[in-house]
Structure formats: C-alpha cells, structure tokens
Amino acid sequence: MNGNTEAIAIHTTLTQDEPDTTFVCDFIESDIHRRDAAIAITLDPALTISSIETLMDEPRTPAARHIMTTVLNRAIREPMILDTPRIRDTADRIAHEACHRTSAPLHATAAYLYWTIRDDRQASEQAITALAIDEGTNLAILVVAAIDRGVARH
C-alpha cells in the first residue's frame, strides 16, 4: 500500500461505526507514526487524507508537528468537540485486542485515548499493563505521568 492508500484505508476504517479492529491494531503496531496518525484520526475524524499522509510519511517535519499539536491541543482544551462514545468504543476495541496480542503499543494507545476522554481508571490500567509488558513504552509513561501530575484537560 502506498501512503495515500494507507491514509484512506485507516481514515475510512476509523470513522466507521464498527471499525475493523484487526486492521486498526495491525496499523498501530506497524509503526509509531502510524500509531500517532490513528490517535489523531480517532480524536479528529475530520482530519484530511493529506494530513494523515503527512503524519505517516513525514513525521519529523514542522507540518506534521503542527498537525499533531493542533489535534491534541483541541482534544485537551476543547473536550466538548470530542465524540466521547466513539473514542471510548475505539479504545475498548484496541484494549481488548491488546490483551489477546499482549501488545504494549496497543495498551498504550488505548491508555492515551481513555486519558483523553477523562477515564483515568481505564487509562491507568492500560498504561500499567503496557509498562508490565515493556517498561520502555513511552506513550504509557506519558499517560502515567499525566495522571500522576493531574495534567488538566479543560
């Protein structure tokens, strides 16, 4: 799959009512930048295909940093824009699959999504599970630190 095809496939999948969990989890586990793109789409399904391609294929560019910063800031500072039930459903699906795969990246991704929708109990559980599998899972470390420090989500 080329970048455009992948971007279209993951965007289409994550914006469906019942996303293909296997596809989503394979995508997340394939590459940290694809994981970040999946998180961004989950938080902002209006993200353009071009933006998704940038996150996946040019992750270290100022453009990619701007896209990701904008998505994450909006999610944290404007929680009313979030489709919490859809995000929870996606996090639940990823967490369930993470258990079957014993996958630290999947547990960490679910943890971040739960944290974003203010479910600190689930976020903490998923992050701790990720760290038990791989203590170097940076996203899980970030989630635990955010919960421990009481990082505000407005």
N, C-alpha and C. Protein backbone atom coordinates (compact mmCIF):
# COMPACT_ATOMS: atom_id res chain seq x y z
N MET A 1 0.84 -1.18 0.00
CA MET A 1 0.00 0.00 0.00
C MET A 1 0.89 1.25 0.00
N ASN A 2 0.57 2.22 -0.82
CA ASN A 2 1.30 3.48 -0.76
C ASN A 2 0.67 4.36 0.32
N GLY A 3 1.34 5.50 0.61
CA GLY A 3 0.88 6.37 1.69
C GLY A 3 -0.55 6.83 1.54
N ASN A 4 -0.93 7.20 0.32
CA ASN A 4 -2.29 7.69 0.09
C ASN A 4 -3.31 6.58 0.33
N THR A 5 -3.02 5.38 -0.16
CA THR A 5 -3.93 4.25 0.02
C THR A 5 -4.06 3.91 1.50
N GLU A 6 -2.93 3.90 2.21
CA GLU A 6 -2.96 3.62 3.64
C GLU A 6 -3.75 4.68 4.40
N ALA A 7 -3.52 5.94 4.05
CA ALA A 7 -4.21 7.04 4.72
C ALA A 7 -5.72 6.93 4.52
N ILE A 8 -6.12 6.64 3.30
CA ILE A 8 -7.55 6.47 3.02
C ILE A 8 -8.11 5.28 3.78
N ALA A 9 -7.38 4.16 3.78
CA ALA A 9 -7.85 2.94 4.44
C ALA A 9 -8.02 3.14 5.95
N ILE A 10 -7.03 3.74 6.61
CA ILE A 10 -7.14 3.90 8.06
C ILE A 10 -8.19 4.95 8.40
N HIS A 11 -8.29 6.01 7.60
CA HIS A 11 -9.31 7.03 7.87
C HIS A 11 -10.71 6.43 7.70
N THR A 12 -10.90 5.69 6.61
CA THR A 12 -12.20 5.07 6.37
C THR A 12 -12.55 4.09 7.47
N THR A 13 -11.58 3.30 7.88
CA THR A 13 -11.81 2.28 8.91
C THR A 13 -12.14 2.92 10.26
N LEU A 14 -11.35 3.90 10.67
CA LEU A 14 -11.56 4.50 11.99
C LEU A 14 -12.78 5.40 12.08
N THR A 15 -13.33 5.79 10.96
CA THR A 15 -14.53 6.64 11.01
C THR A 15 -15.81 5.85 10.78
N GLN A 16 -15.70 4.53 10.68
CA GLN A 16 -16.89 3.67 10.57
C GLN A 16 -17.49 3.45 11.95
N ASP A 17 -18.76 3.06 11.98
CA ASP A 17 -19.40 2.76 13.26
C ASP A 17 -18.77 1.56 13.94
N GLU A 18 -18.37 0.57 13.16
CA GLU A 18 -17.72 -0.62 13.72
C GLU A 18 -16.42 -0.87 12.95
N PRO A 19 -15.34 -0.19 13.38
CA PRO A 19 -14.08 -0.34 12.65
C PRO A 19 -13.51 -1.75 12.73
N ASP A 20 -12.77 -2.13 11.71
CA ASP A 20 -12.08 -3.42 11.65
C ASP A 20 -10.93 -3.38 12.65
N THR A 21 -11.15 -3.95 13.81
CA THR A 21 -10.19 -3.88 14.90
C THR A 21 -8.85 -4.49 14.53
N THR A 22 -8.87 -5.60 13.83
CA THR A 22 -7.61 -6.24 13.44
C THR A 22 -6.79 -5.31 12.56
N PHE A 23 -7.44 -4.71 11.58
CA PHE A 23 -6.74 -3.77 10.69
C PHE A 23 -6.18 -2.60 11.48
N VAL A 24 -6.99 -2.01 12.34
CA VAL A 24 -6.56 -0.86 13.13
C VAL A 24 -5.36 -1.23 14.00
N CYS A 25 -5.43 -2.36 14.66
CA CYS A 25 -4.35 -2.76 15.56
C CYS A 25 -3.08 -3.13 14.80
N ASP A 26 -3.22 -3.78 13.67
CA ASP A 26 -2.05 -4.06 12.83
C ASP A 26 -1.40 -2.75 12.40
N PHE A 27 -2.21 -1.78 12.03
CA PHE A 27 -1.74 -0.47 11.60
C PHE A 27 -0.97 0.22 12.74
N ILE A 28 -1.54 0.21 13.94
CA ILE A 28 -0.91 0.85 15.10
C ILE A 28 0.42 0.17 15.43
N GLU A 29 0.44 -1.15 15.40
CA GLU A 29 1.66 -1.87 15.75
C GLU A 29 2.75 -1.78 14.68
N SER A 30 2.38 -1.41 13.46
CA SER A 30 3.36 -1.40 12.37
C SER A 30 4.41 -0.31 12.51
N ASP A 31 4.06 0.79 13.17
CA ASP A 31 4.96 1.94 13.14
C ASP A 31 4.44 2.99 14.12
N ILE A 32 5.34 3.62 14.85
CA ILE A 32 4.93 4.62 15.84
C ILE A 32 4.22 5.81 15.17
N HIS A 33 4.62 6.15 13.96
CA HIS A 33 4.00 7.29 13.28
C HIS A 33 2.60 6.94 12.80
N ARG A 34 2.40 5.70 12.45
CA ARG A 34 1.06 5.25 12.09
C ARG A 34 0.17 5.21 13.34
N ARG A 35 0.75 4.81 14.46
CA ARG A 35 0.01 4.86 15.73
C ARG A 35 -0.46 6.29 15.99
N ASP A 36 0.44 7.25 15.83
CA ASP A 36 0.08 8.64 16.07
C ASP A 36 -1.01 9.11 15.11
N ALA A 37 -0.93 8.67 13.86
CA ALA A 37 -1.97 9.02 12.88
C ALA A 37 -3.31 8.43 13.31
N ALA A 38 -3.29 7.18 13.80
CA ALA A 38 -4.54 6.54 14.26
C ALA A 38 -5.13 7.29 15.45
N ILE A 39 -4.29 7.71 16.36
CA ILE A 39 -4.77 8.51 17.50
C ILE A 39 -5.39 9.81 17.00
N ALA A 40 -4.69 10.48 16.08
CA ALA A 40 -5.19 11.76 15.56
C ALA A 40 -6.54 11.59 14.88
N ILE A 41 -6.69 10.55 14.07
CA ILE A 41 -7.97 10.31 13.38
C ILE A 41 -9.07 10.01 14.40
N THR A 42 -8.74 9.23 15.41
CA THR A 42 -9.74 8.88 16.43
C THR A 42 -10.22 10.14 17.15
N LEU A 43 -9.31 11.04 17.44
CA LEU A 43 -9.68 12.27 18.13
C LEU A 43 -10.33 13.29 17.21
N ASP A 44 -9.92 13.28 15.93
CA ASP A 44 -10.46 14.26 14.98
C ASP A 44 -10.74 13.57 13.64
N PRO A 45 -11.92 12.96 13.51
CA PRO A 45 -12.24 12.24 12.28
C PRO A 45 -12.33 13.14 11.05
N ALA A 46 -12.34 14.45 11.22
CA ALA A 46 -12.36 15.37 10.09
C ALA A 46 -10.97 15.63 9.52
N LEU A 47 -9.96 15.02 10.11
CA LEU A 47 -8.59 15.17 9.62
C LEU A 47 -8.53 14.77 8.14
N THR A 48 -7.84 15.56 7.35
CA THR A 48 -7.78 15.29 5.91
C THR A 48 -6.82 14.15 5.59
N ILE A 49 -7.02 13.54 4.44
CA ILE A 49 -6.14 12.48 3.97
C ILE A 49 -4.72 13.02 3.84
N SER A 50 -4.59 14.22 3.35
CA SER A 50 -3.28 14.85 3.20
C SER A 50 -2.58 14.99 4.56
N SER A 51 -3.32 15.37 5.58
CA SER A 51 -2.75 15.50 6.93
C SER A 51 -2.32 14.14 7.47
N ILE A 52 -3.12 13.12 7.22
CA ILE A 52 -2.79 11.77 7.67
C ILE A 52 -1.51 11.29 6.97
N GLU A 53 -1.42 11.53 5.67
CA GLU A 53 -0.20 11.17 4.94
C GLU A 53 1.02 11.87 5.53
N THR A 54 0.89 13.14 5.86
CA THR A 54 2.00 13.88 6.45
C THR A 54 2.42 13.26 7.76
N LEU A 55 1.46 12.91 8.62
CA LEU A 55 1.78 12.29 9.90
C LEU A 55 2.50 10.95 9.72
N MET A 56 2.10 10.19 8.71
CA MET A 56 2.68 8.87 8.49
C MET A 56 4.03 8.94 7.77
N ASP A 57 4.12 9.79 6.75
CA ASP A 57 5.27 9.74 5.84
C ASP A 57 6.32 10.82 6.10
N GLU A 58 5.92 11.88 6.79
CA GLU A 58 6.85 12.99 7.07
C GLU A 58 6.73 13.41 8.53
N PRO A 59 6.84 12.45 9.45
CA PRO A 59 6.51 12.71 10.85
C PRO A 59 7.40 13.72 11.57
N ARG A 60 8.59 13.94 11.08
CA ARG A 60 9.51 14.84 11.78
C ARG A 60 9.52 16.25 11.20
N THR A 61 8.59 16.52 10.31
CA THR A 61 8.55 17.84 9.68
C THR A 61 7.75 18.82 10.55
N PRO A 62 8.00 20.11 10.36
CA PRO A 62 7.18 21.11 11.08
C PRO A 62 5.69 20.94 10.77
N ALA A 63 5.36 20.56 9.55
CA ALA A 63 3.95 20.39 9.18
C ALA A 63 3.31 19.28 10.01
N ALA A 64 4.00 18.16 10.17
CA ALA A 64 3.45 17.05 10.97
C ALA A 64 3.32 17.44 12.43
N ARG A 65 4.33 18.12 12.96
CA ARG A 65 4.26 18.58 14.35
C ARG A 65 3.08 19.52 14.55
N HIS A 66 2.86 20.40 13.57
CA HIS A 66 1.73 21.34 13.66
C HIS A 66 0.39 20.60 13.65
N ILE A 67 0.25 19.62 12.77
CA ILE A 67 -0.99 18.85 12.69
C ILE A 67 -1.25 18.15 14.01
N MET A 68 -0.26 17.43 14.51
CA MET A 68 -0.45 16.65 15.74
C MET A 68 -0.70 17.57 16.94
N THR A 69 0.05 18.65 17.03
CA THR A 69 -0.13 19.60 18.13
C THR A 69 -1.53 20.20 18.10
N THR A 70 -2.00 20.56 16.92
CA THR A 70 -3.34 21.13 16.79
C THR A 70 -4.41 20.13 17.24
N VAL A 71 -4.31 18.90 16.77
CA VAL A 71 -5.30 17.86 17.14
C VAL A 71 -5.28 17.63 18.64
N LEU A 72 -4.10 17.43 19.21
CA LEU A 72 -4.01 17.12 20.64
C LEU A 72 -4.44 18.30 21.50
N ASN A 73 -4.03 19.51 21.13
CA ASN A 73 -4.44 20.69 21.90
C ASN A 73 -5.95 20.87 21.88
N ARG A 74 -6.55 20.69 20.72
CA ARG A 74 -8.02 20.81 20.64
C ARG A 74 -8.69 19.76 21.50
N ALA A 75 -8.18 18.55 21.47
CA ALA A 75 -8.78 17.46 22.24
C ALA A 75 -8.70 17.74 23.74
N ILE A 76 -7.58 18.30 24.16
CA ILE A 76 -7.38 18.56 25.60
C ILE A 76 -8.07 19.84 26.04
N ARG A 77 -8.01 20.87 25.22
CA ARG A 77 -8.55 22.17 25.61
C ARG A 77 -10.03 22.36 25.28
N GLU A 78 -10.54 21.58 24.34
CA GLU A 78 -11.94 21.71 23.93
C GLU A 78 -12.62 20.34 23.95
N PRO A 79 -12.76 19.75 25.13
CA PRO A 79 -13.30 18.39 25.21
C PRO A 79 -14.72 18.24 24.66
N MET A 80 -15.44 19.32 24.55
CA MET A 80 -16.81 19.24 24.03
C MET A 80 -16.83 18.85 22.55
N ILE A 81 -15.70 19.04 21.85
CA ILE A 81 -15.66 18.67 20.43
C ILE A 81 -15.47 17.17 20.24
N LEU A 82 -15.05 16.48 21.30
CA LEU A 82 -14.75 15.05 21.19
C LEU A 82 -16.03 14.22 21.13
N ASP A 83 -16.00 13.22 20.29
CA ASP A 83 -17.08 12.23 20.22
C ASP A 83 -16.70 11.13 21.22
N THR A 84 -16.96 11.40 22.48
CA THR A 84 -16.52 10.51 23.56
C THR A 84 -17.00 9.07 23.38
N PRO A 85 -18.26 8.81 23.04
CA PRO A 85 -18.67 7.41 22.87
C PRO A 85 -17.89 6.69 21.75
N ARG A 86 -17.60 7.40 20.65
CA ARG A 86 -16.84 6.78 19.56
C ARG A 86 -15.40 6.52 19.98
N ILE A 87 -14.80 7.49 20.69
CA ILE A 87 -13.43 7.33 21.16
C ILE A 87 -13.35 6.18 22.16
N ARG A 88 -14.33 6.11 23.08
CA ARG A 88 -14.36 5.01 24.06
C ARG A 88 -14.50 3.66 23.35
N ASP A 89 -15.37 3.59 22.36
CA ASP A 89 -15.56 2.34 21.63
C ASP A 89 -14.25 1.92 20.96
N THR A 90 -13.56 2.87 20.34
CA THR A 90 -12.28 2.56 19.70
C THR A 90 -11.26 2.11 20.74
N ALA A 91 -11.18 2.82 21.85
CA ALA A 91 -10.24 2.44 22.92
C ALA A 91 -10.58 1.05 23.46
N ASP A 92 -11.86 0.77 23.66
CA ASP A 92 -12.28 -0.55 24.15
C ASP A 92 -11.86 -1.66 23.18
N ARG A 93 -12.05 -1.42 21.90
CA ARG A 93 -11.69 -2.42 20.88
C ARG A 93 -10.18 -2.65 20.87
N ILE A 94 -9.41 -1.56 20.94
CA ILE A 94 -7.96 -1.68 20.94
C ILE A 94 -7.49 -2.39 22.21
N ALA A 95 -8.06 -2.02 23.36
CA ALA A 95 -7.68 -2.65 24.63
C ALA A 95 -7.97 -4.15 24.62
N HIS A 96 -9.12 -4.51 24.08
CA HIS A 96 -9.49 -5.92 24.00
C HIS A 96 -8.48 -6.69 23.14
N GLU A 97 -8.16 -6.13 22.00
CA GLU A 97 -7.19 -6.78 21.11
C GLU A 97 -5.80 -6.80 21.74
N ALA A 98 -5.47 -5.75 22.47
CA ALA A 98 -4.16 -5.68 23.14
C ALA A 98 -3.97 -6.85 24.10
N CYS A 99 -5.04 -7.22 24.78
CA CYS A 99 -4.98 -8.36 25.71
C CYS A 99 -4.69 -9.65 24.96
N HIS A 100 -5.32 -9.82 23.82
CA HIS A 100 -5.11 -11.04 23.03
C HIS A 100 -3.69 -11.10 22.47
N ARG A 101 -3.15 -9.96 22.12
CA ARG A 101 -1.82 -9.92 21.50
C ARG A 101 -0.70 -9.72 22.51
N THR A 102 -1.05 -9.38 23.74
CA THR A 102 -0.06 -8.98 24.75
C THR A 102 0.83 -7.89 24.15
N SER A 103 0.19 -6.81 23.73
CA SER A 103 0.86 -5.75 22.98
C SER A 103 0.96 -4.46 23.78
N ALA A 104 2.18 -4.09 24.14
CA ALA A 104 2.39 -2.83 24.85
C ALA A 104 1.96 -1.62 24.01
N PRO A 105 2.28 -1.56 22.71
CA PRO A 105 1.82 -0.39 21.94
C PRO A 105 0.30 -0.24 21.90
N LEU A 106 -0.40 -1.35 21.82
CA LEU A 106 -1.87 -1.27 21.79
C LEU A 106 -2.42 -0.85 23.15
N HIS A 107 -1.89 -1.42 24.23
CA HIS A 107 -2.35 -1.00 25.56
C HIS A 107 -2.07 0.49 25.77
N ALA A 108 -0.89 0.95 25.33
CA ALA A 108 -0.55 2.36 25.50
C ALA A 108 -1.46 3.27 24.67
N THR A 109 -1.78 2.84 23.47
CA THR A 109 -2.69 3.63 22.63
C THR A 109 -4.07 3.73 23.28
N ALA A 110 -4.57 2.60 23.77
CA ALA A 110 -5.87 2.62 24.47
C ALA A 110 -5.78 3.53 25.69
N ALA A 111 -4.67 3.44 26.42
CA ALA A 111 -4.49 4.28 27.61
C ALA A 111 -4.59 5.76 27.25
N TYR A 112 -3.93 6.15 26.19
CA TYR A 112 -3.96 7.56 25.79
C TYR A 112 -5.37 8.00 25.41
N LEU A 113 -6.06 7.16 24.66
CA LEU A 113 -7.43 7.51 24.27
C LEU A 113 -8.34 7.62 25.50
N TYR A 114 -8.21 6.68 26.43
CA TYR A 114 -9.01 6.77 27.66
C TYR A 114 -8.67 8.04 28.44
N TRP A 115 -7.39 8.34 28.54
CA TRP A 115 -6.98 9.54 29.28
C TRP A 115 -7.59 10.79 28.64
N THR A 116 -7.60 10.83 27.32
CA THR A 116 -8.14 11.99 26.62
C THR A 116 -9.61 12.22 26.94
N ILE A 117 -10.36 11.13 27.14
CA ILE A 117 -11.79 11.29 27.45
C ILE A 117 -12.05 11.26 28.96
N ARG A 118 -10.98 11.45 29.73
CA ARG A 118 -11.06 11.60 31.19
C ARG A 118 -11.43 10.32 31.94
N ASP A 119 -11.12 9.18 31.38
CA ASP A 119 -11.33 7.92 32.08
C ASP A 119 -9.98 7.47 32.65
N ASP A 120 -9.59 8.13 33.74
CA ASP A 120 -8.27 7.88 34.31
C ASP A 120 -8.12 6.45 34.84
N ARG A 121 -9.20 5.85 35.28
CA ARG A 121 -9.10 4.47 35.78
C ARG A 121 -8.69 3.52 34.66
N GLN A 122 -9.41 3.58 33.54
CA GLN A 122 -9.07 2.73 32.39
C GLN A 122 -7.70 3.11 31.83
N ALA A 123 -7.43 4.41 31.75
CA ALA A 123 -6.14 4.87 31.22
C ALA A 123 -4.99 4.32 32.04
N SER A 124 -5.13 4.41 33.35
CA SER A 124 -4.08 3.92 34.24
C SER A 124 -3.90 2.41 34.10
N GLU A 125 -5.00 1.69 34.06
CA GLU A 125 -4.94 0.23 33.93
C GLU A 125 -4.24 -0.18 32.64
N GLN A 126 -4.61 0.47 31.55
CA GLN A 126 -3.99 0.14 30.26
C GLN A 126 -2.51 0.54 30.23
N ALA A 127 -2.18 1.69 30.77
CA ALA A 127 -0.78 2.15 30.79
C ALA A 127 0.09 1.23 31.64
N ILE A 128 -0.41 0.85 32.79
CA ILE A 128 0.36 -0.05 33.67
C ILE A 128 0.54 -1.41 33.01
N THR A 129 -0.48 -1.88 32.32
CA THR A 129 -0.35 -3.15 31.59
C THR A 129 0.70 -3.03 30.50
N ALA A 130 0.69 -1.93 29.77
CA ALA A 130 1.70 -1.71 28.72
C ALA A 130 3.10 -1.72 29.32
N LEU A 131 3.26 -1.06 30.45
CA LEU A 131 4.58 -0.99 31.09
C LEU A 131 5.01 -2.34 31.67
N ALA A 132 4.06 -3.16 32.08
CA ALA A 132 4.40 -4.50 32.55
C ALA A 132 4.93 -5.36 31.40
N ILE A 133 4.44 -5.10 30.21
CA ILE A 133 4.90 -5.83 29.03
C ILE A 133 6.24 -5.29 28.55
N ASP A 134 6.34 -3.95 28.50
CA ASP A 134 7.56 -3.29 28.03
C ASP A 134 7.70 -1.98 28.79
N GLU A 135 8.62 -1.98 29.75
CA GLU A 135 8.76 -0.81 30.62
C GLU A 135 9.26 0.44 29.89
N GLY A 136 9.65 0.31 28.65
CA GLY A 136 10.10 1.45 27.87
C GLY A 136 9.05 2.03 26.94
N THR A 137 7.80 1.69 27.16
CA THR A 137 6.73 2.17 26.29
C THR A 137 6.44 3.64 26.63
N ASN A 138 7.00 4.53 25.80
CA ASN A 138 6.96 5.96 26.09
C ASN A 138 5.55 6.53 26.23
N LEU A 139 4.64 6.10 25.39
CA LEU A 139 3.28 6.64 25.47
C LEU A 139 2.64 6.25 26.80
N ALA A 140 2.89 5.04 27.27
CA ALA A 140 2.35 4.61 28.56
C ALA A 140 2.99 5.42 29.70
N ILE A 141 4.27 5.68 29.59
CA ILE A 141 4.97 6.50 30.60
C ILE A 141 4.34 7.90 30.64
N LEU A 142 4.06 8.44 29.46
CA LEU A 142 3.43 9.76 29.36
C LEU A 142 2.06 9.79 30.03
N VAL A 143 1.26 8.76 29.79
CA VAL A 143 -0.08 8.69 30.37
C VAL A 143 0.00 8.60 31.90
N VAL A 144 0.86 7.73 32.40
CA VAL A 144 1.01 7.59 33.86
C VAL A 144 1.46 8.91 34.47
N ALA A 145 2.42 9.57 33.84
CA ALA A 145 2.90 10.85 34.36
C ALA A 145 1.79 11.91 34.33
N ALA A 146 1.01 11.94 33.26
CA ALA A 146 -0.08 12.92 33.17
C ALA A 146 -1.12 12.68 34.28
N ILE A 147 -1.43 11.42 34.53
CA ILE A 147 -2.41 11.11 35.58
C ILE A 147 -1.82 11.45 36.94
N ASP A 148 -0.58 11.04 37.20
CA ASP A 148 0.06 11.30 38.49
C ASP A 148 0.18 12.78 38.78
N ARG A 149 0.44 13.56 37.75
CA ARG A 149 0.63 15.01 37.93
C ARG A 149 -0.67 15.79 37.81
N GLY A 150 -1.75 15.09 37.51
CA GLY A 150 -3.04 15.76 37.39
C GLY A 150 -3.09 16.77 36.25
N VAL A 151 -2.45 16.41 35.14
CA VAL A 151 -2.45 17.32 33.98
C VAL A 151 -3.91 17.63 33.61
N ALA A 152 -4.19 18.90 33.53
CA ALA A 152 -5.56 19.34 33.30
C ALA A 152 -5.99 19.09 31.86
N ARG A 153 -7.20 18.64 31.74
CA ARG A 153 -7.89 18.57 30.45
C ARG A 153 -9.12 19.44 30.64
N HIS A 154 -9.10 20.58 30.04
CA HIS A 154 -10.13 21.61 30.29
C HIS A 154 -11.52 21.16 29.95
